Protein backbone atom coordinates (compact mmCIF):
# COMPACT_ATOMS: atom_id res chain seq x y z
CA MET A 1 124.29 -165.01 -116.00
CA LEU A 2 122.51 -164.36 -112.94
CA ALA A 3 123.97 -162.12 -110.25
CA ASN A 4 125.08 -165.23 -108.45
CA GLU A 5 127.78 -166.46 -110.92
CA ALA A 6 127.30 -170.06 -109.74
CA MET A 7 124.22 -170.12 -111.66
CA VAL A 8 123.58 -169.89 -115.57
CA LEU A 9 120.25 -168.77 -117.32
CA ARG A 10 119.53 -170.70 -120.32
CA GLN A 11 116.11 -169.60 -121.35
CA VAL A 12 112.76 -167.95 -120.35
CA LEU A 13 109.43 -169.14 -121.15
CA ILE A 14 106.77 -166.45 -120.76
CA GLN A 15 103.66 -167.86 -119.70
CA GLY A 16 101.26 -165.06 -118.94
CA VAL A 17 101.23 -161.14 -119.11
CA ASP A 18 98.69 -158.65 -117.37
CA MET A 19 98.78 -155.37 -118.93
CA PHE A 20 98.25 -152.12 -116.90
CA GLY A 21 97.36 -149.75 -119.59
CA SER A 22 100.13 -149.39 -121.87
CA ARG A 23 102.66 -150.89 -119.62
CA VAL A 24 103.38 -154.41 -118.19
CA GLY A 25 102.00 -155.03 -114.96
CA PHE A 26 102.28 -158.74 -113.74
CA LEU A 27 104.41 -161.16 -115.67
CA LYS A 28 104.44 -165.05 -115.24
CA PHE A 29 107.36 -167.03 -116.47
CA LYS A 30 109.62 -170.10 -116.36
CA ALA A 31 113.29 -169.62 -116.32
CA ASP A 32 115.66 -172.42 -116.99
CA VAL A 33 118.37 -172.05 -114.59
CA ILE A 34 121.46 -174.30 -114.11
CA ASP A 35 123.57 -174.75 -111.06
CA LYS A 36 127.14 -174.81 -112.60
CA GLU A 37 128.64 -176.96 -109.75
CA THR A 38 126.23 -179.75 -110.10
CA GLY A 39 124.79 -179.20 -113.70
CA LYS A 40 121.35 -179.48 -112.27
CA LYS A 41 118.11 -177.24 -112.76
CA VAL A 42 116.94 -175.14 -109.93
CA PRO A 43 113.37 -174.03 -109.37
CA GLY A 44 112.77 -171.16 -111.69
CA ILE A 45 109.09 -170.34 -111.84
CA VAL A 46 108.73 -166.69 -111.25
CA PHE A 47 105.70 -164.34 -110.88
CA ALA A 48 107.31 -160.92 -111.53
CA ARG A 49 105.42 -157.71 -110.30
CA GLY A 50 108.44 -155.69 -109.42
CA PRO A 51 109.14 -153.29 -106.55
CA ALA A 52 106.64 -151.65 -104.15
CA VAL A 53 106.49 -149.28 -101.11
CA ALA A 54 104.70 -149.23 -97.74
CA VAL A 55 104.55 -146.88 -94.91
CA LEU A 56 104.09 -147.52 -91.14
CA ILE A 57 102.19 -144.31 -89.92
CA LEU A 58 102.31 -143.64 -86.28
CA LEU A 59 100.32 -140.78 -84.75
CA GLU A 60 100.71 -139.98 -81.22
CA SER A 61 97.70 -138.43 -79.50
CA GLU A 62 96.93 -137.81 -75.79
CA GLY A 63 99.85 -140.02 -74.82
CA GLU A 64 98.78 -143.05 -76.88
CA THR A 65 100.37 -143.83 -80.23
CA TYR A 66 98.19 -145.19 -83.07
CA ALA A 67 98.92 -146.86 -86.26
CA VAL A 68 97.01 -146.11 -89.53
CA LEU A 69 95.97 -149.11 -91.60
CA THR A 70 93.93 -150.02 -94.65
CA GLU A 71 91.35 -152.55 -95.05
CA GLN A 72 90.50 -154.05 -98.37
CA VAL A 73 89.27 -157.54 -99.99
CA ARG A 74 92.26 -159.56 -101.16
CA VAL A 75 90.94 -161.98 -103.52
CA PRO A 76 94.02 -164.30 -103.38
CA VAL A 77 93.64 -165.04 -99.62
CA GLY A 78 89.61 -164.57 -99.70
CA LYS A 79 89.38 -162.08 -96.88
CA LEU A 80 89.75 -158.62 -95.48
CA ILE A 81 93.20 -157.93 -94.60
CA LEU A 82 94.51 -154.87 -92.46
CA GLU A 83 97.52 -153.55 -94.00
CA LEU A 84 99.95 -150.73 -94.36
CA PRO A 85 99.19 -148.04 -97.02
CA ALA A 86 101.33 -149.45 -99.98
CA GLY A 87 101.58 -149.58 -103.85
CA MET A 88 103.67 -150.64 -106.60
CA LEU A 89 106.47 -148.43 -107.67
CA ASP A 90 105.50 -147.20 -111.14
CA ASP A 91 107.36 -143.96 -110.95
CA GLU A 92 109.78 -143.90 -114.13
CA ASN A 93 112.32 -142.03 -112.19
CA GLY A 94 112.40 -144.38 -109.13
CA ASP A 95 111.14 -141.90 -106.67
CA ILE A 96 110.62 -144.30 -103.80
CA ALA A 97 109.65 -142.00 -101.15
CA GLY A 98 107.38 -139.85 -103.36
CA THR A 99 105.63 -142.79 -104.45
CA ALA A 100 105.15 -143.90 -100.61
CA ILE A 101 103.66 -140.35 -99.95
CA ARG A 102 101.16 -140.63 -102.63
CA GLU A 103 100.01 -144.04 -101.78
CA VAL A 104 99.42 -142.58 -98.30
CA GLU A 105 97.55 -139.79 -99.55
CA GLU A 106 95.30 -141.90 -102.02
CA GLU A 107 94.57 -144.47 -99.28
CA THR A 108 94.26 -142.49 -96.28
CA GLY A 109 93.87 -138.92 -97.21
CA LEU A 110 96.73 -137.96 -95.22
CA HIS A 111 99.70 -135.75 -96.67
CA LEU A 112 102.83 -136.59 -95.26
CA ASN A 113 105.83 -134.35 -95.20
CA GLN A 114 108.66 -136.06 -97.20
CA ASP A 115 111.40 -134.74 -94.85
CA ALA A 116 109.65 -136.48 -91.85
CA VAL A 117 109.62 -139.90 -93.69
CA VAL A 118 112.10 -142.47 -92.64
CA ASP A 119 113.24 -145.27 -94.86
CA LEU A 120 113.44 -148.41 -92.55
CA THR A 121 114.81 -150.57 -95.11
CA ALA A 122 117.83 -148.28 -95.45
CA PHE A 123 118.91 -149.52 -92.20
CA LEU A 124 119.55 -152.97 -93.53
CA ALA A 125 123.12 -154.02 -94.68
CA PRO A 126 123.87 -153.16 -98.30
CA SER A 127 124.17 -156.85 -99.08
CA THR A 128 120.36 -157.22 -98.57
CA GLY A 129 119.77 -154.80 -101.50
CA GLN A 130 118.07 -152.81 -98.48
CA LYS A 131 114.53 -154.07 -99.45
CA VAL A 132 112.31 -156.67 -97.95
CA PHE A 133 111.52 -159.67 -100.08
CA PRO A 134 108.17 -161.14 -98.82
CA SER A 135 108.12 -164.27 -101.17
CA PRO A 136 111.66 -164.85 -102.79
CA GLY A 137 110.80 -168.54 -103.55
CA GLY A 138 108.36 -167.50 -106.23
CA CYS A 139 107.97 -163.67 -106.68
CA ASP A 140 110.50 -160.86 -107.46
CA GLU A 141 108.48 -158.27 -105.51
CA ASP A 142 110.89 -156.11 -103.19
CA ILE A 143 109.17 -153.51 -100.79
CA GLY A 144 110.90 -150.43 -99.29
CA LEU A 145 109.21 -149.93 -95.88
CA PHE A 146 109.07 -146.46 -94.65
CA LEU A 147 108.17 -144.80 -91.29
CA TYR A 148 106.05 -141.60 -90.68
CA ARG A 149 105.73 -140.40 -87.20
CA GLY A 150 103.60 -137.43 -86.08
CA LYS A 151 101.54 -135.94 -83.21
CA VAL A 152 98.02 -135.03 -83.73
CA ASP A 153 94.81 -133.97 -82.01
CA LYS A 154 92.47 -136.75 -81.02
CA GLU A 155 89.86 -135.25 -83.61
CA ILE A 156 92.29 -136.17 -86.45
CA ILE A 157 92.21 -139.96 -84.96
CA GLU A 158 88.47 -139.94 -84.75
CA GLN A 159 88.18 -138.49 -88.39
CA LEU A 160 90.45 -141.14 -89.95
CA GLN A 161 88.70 -144.16 -88.28
CA GLY A 162 86.38 -145.89 -90.85
CA LYS A 163 87.12 -143.28 -93.53
CA GLU A 164 86.39 -144.70 -97.03
CA THR A 165 89.04 -144.03 -99.58
CA GLY A 166 90.82 -145.51 -102.61
CA LEU A 167 90.93 -144.93 -106.33
CA ARG A 168 87.26 -146.17 -107.15
CA ASP A 169 87.94 -146.29 -110.86
CA HIS A 170 90.82 -148.55 -110.23
CA GLY A 171 88.66 -150.96 -108.19
CA GLU A 172 90.16 -149.78 -104.87
CA MET A 173 87.33 -149.87 -102.00
CA ILE A 174 89.49 -149.04 -98.90
CA LYS A 175 88.49 -148.51 -95.43
CA VAL A 176 90.88 -146.75 -92.90
CA HIS A 177 91.46 -148.23 -89.41
CA VAL A 178 93.28 -146.74 -86.56
CA VAL A 179 94.59 -149.00 -84.04
CA PRO A 180 96.78 -148.85 -80.75
CA TYR A 181 100.28 -149.57 -81.81
CA LYS A 182 100.94 -151.55 -78.69
CA THR A 183 98.32 -154.11 -79.93
CA LEU A 184 99.16 -153.77 -83.72
CA TRP A 185 101.37 -156.84 -83.96
CA ARG A 186 98.45 -159.13 -82.90
CA MET A 187 95.91 -157.62 -85.15
CA THR A 188 97.08 -158.56 -88.79
CA ALA A 189 98.92 -161.14 -90.46
CA ASP A 190 100.09 -158.80 -93.27
CA ALA A 191 103.76 -159.47 -93.61
CA LYS A 192 104.57 -155.82 -94.46
CA VAL A 193 103.00 -154.67 -91.11
CA LEU A 194 104.97 -157.26 -89.15
CA ALA A 195 108.34 -156.57 -90.99
CA ALA A 196 107.90 -152.74 -90.57
CA ILE A 197 107.34 -153.12 -86.56
CA ALA A 198 110.48 -155.28 -86.50
CA LEU A 199 112.78 -152.73 -88.20
CA TYR A 200 111.00 -149.84 -86.38
CA GLU A 201 111.62 -151.46 -82.99
CA MET A 202 115.33 -152.54 -83.69
CA ALA A 203 116.11 -148.97 -85.28
CA LYS A 204 114.65 -147.54 -82.13
CA ARG A 205 116.69 -149.86 -79.97
CA ASP A 206 119.72 -149.07 -81.80
CA GLY A 207 119.10 -145.07 -81.77
CA LEU A 208 118.98 -144.94 -85.56
CA LEU A 209 115.68 -142.71 -85.74
CA PRO A 210 115.51 -138.94 -85.63
CA ILE A 211 113.84 -137.34 -82.57
CA LEU A 212 110.25 -136.74 -83.05
CA LYS A 213 109.55 -133.05 -82.96
CA ASP A 214 106.42 -131.52 -81.29
């Protein structure tokens, strides 16, 4: 039985598996799901990749707020994309915040204080699962979106701009970009960025964010 008791799961046909070393990475399957009221099948083609995390990093310097993004080639869309530092949740203990901090360090070189990291998706109503689902019609991926705010010298901004990072042995070829936050919403079509902006602005409007210390 599915979480929604109006639906019944009859069978699952595994169509493809991509392994990440010794563990399952991506899974493609077709589920036969029946609507109990009508007796009809509902769409059940699934690309399963599991939970992920992403971090909106905002750095204030000399009166300007900047966002830290990563740029890398994304083969499915055939272009370079400016994105939030992000990664799949592969921690067996489910340490979401810890995974977010590790991804930031790997992709930007920045080490974040976990106490200063805010879970933006935790502000969503519990009924949502307190995660963002970027493509629920075909993929199970849920994303925890986090926020980090800090104050830095302009030298740090200059050092980050254009920095090349990533786990090269994993095929990651990443370049860091630092852009003014005021223009961020127009500079990328990455759904993680746009969702994080929306959550950040609404949380700020409603006074839910801690005060940024000097």
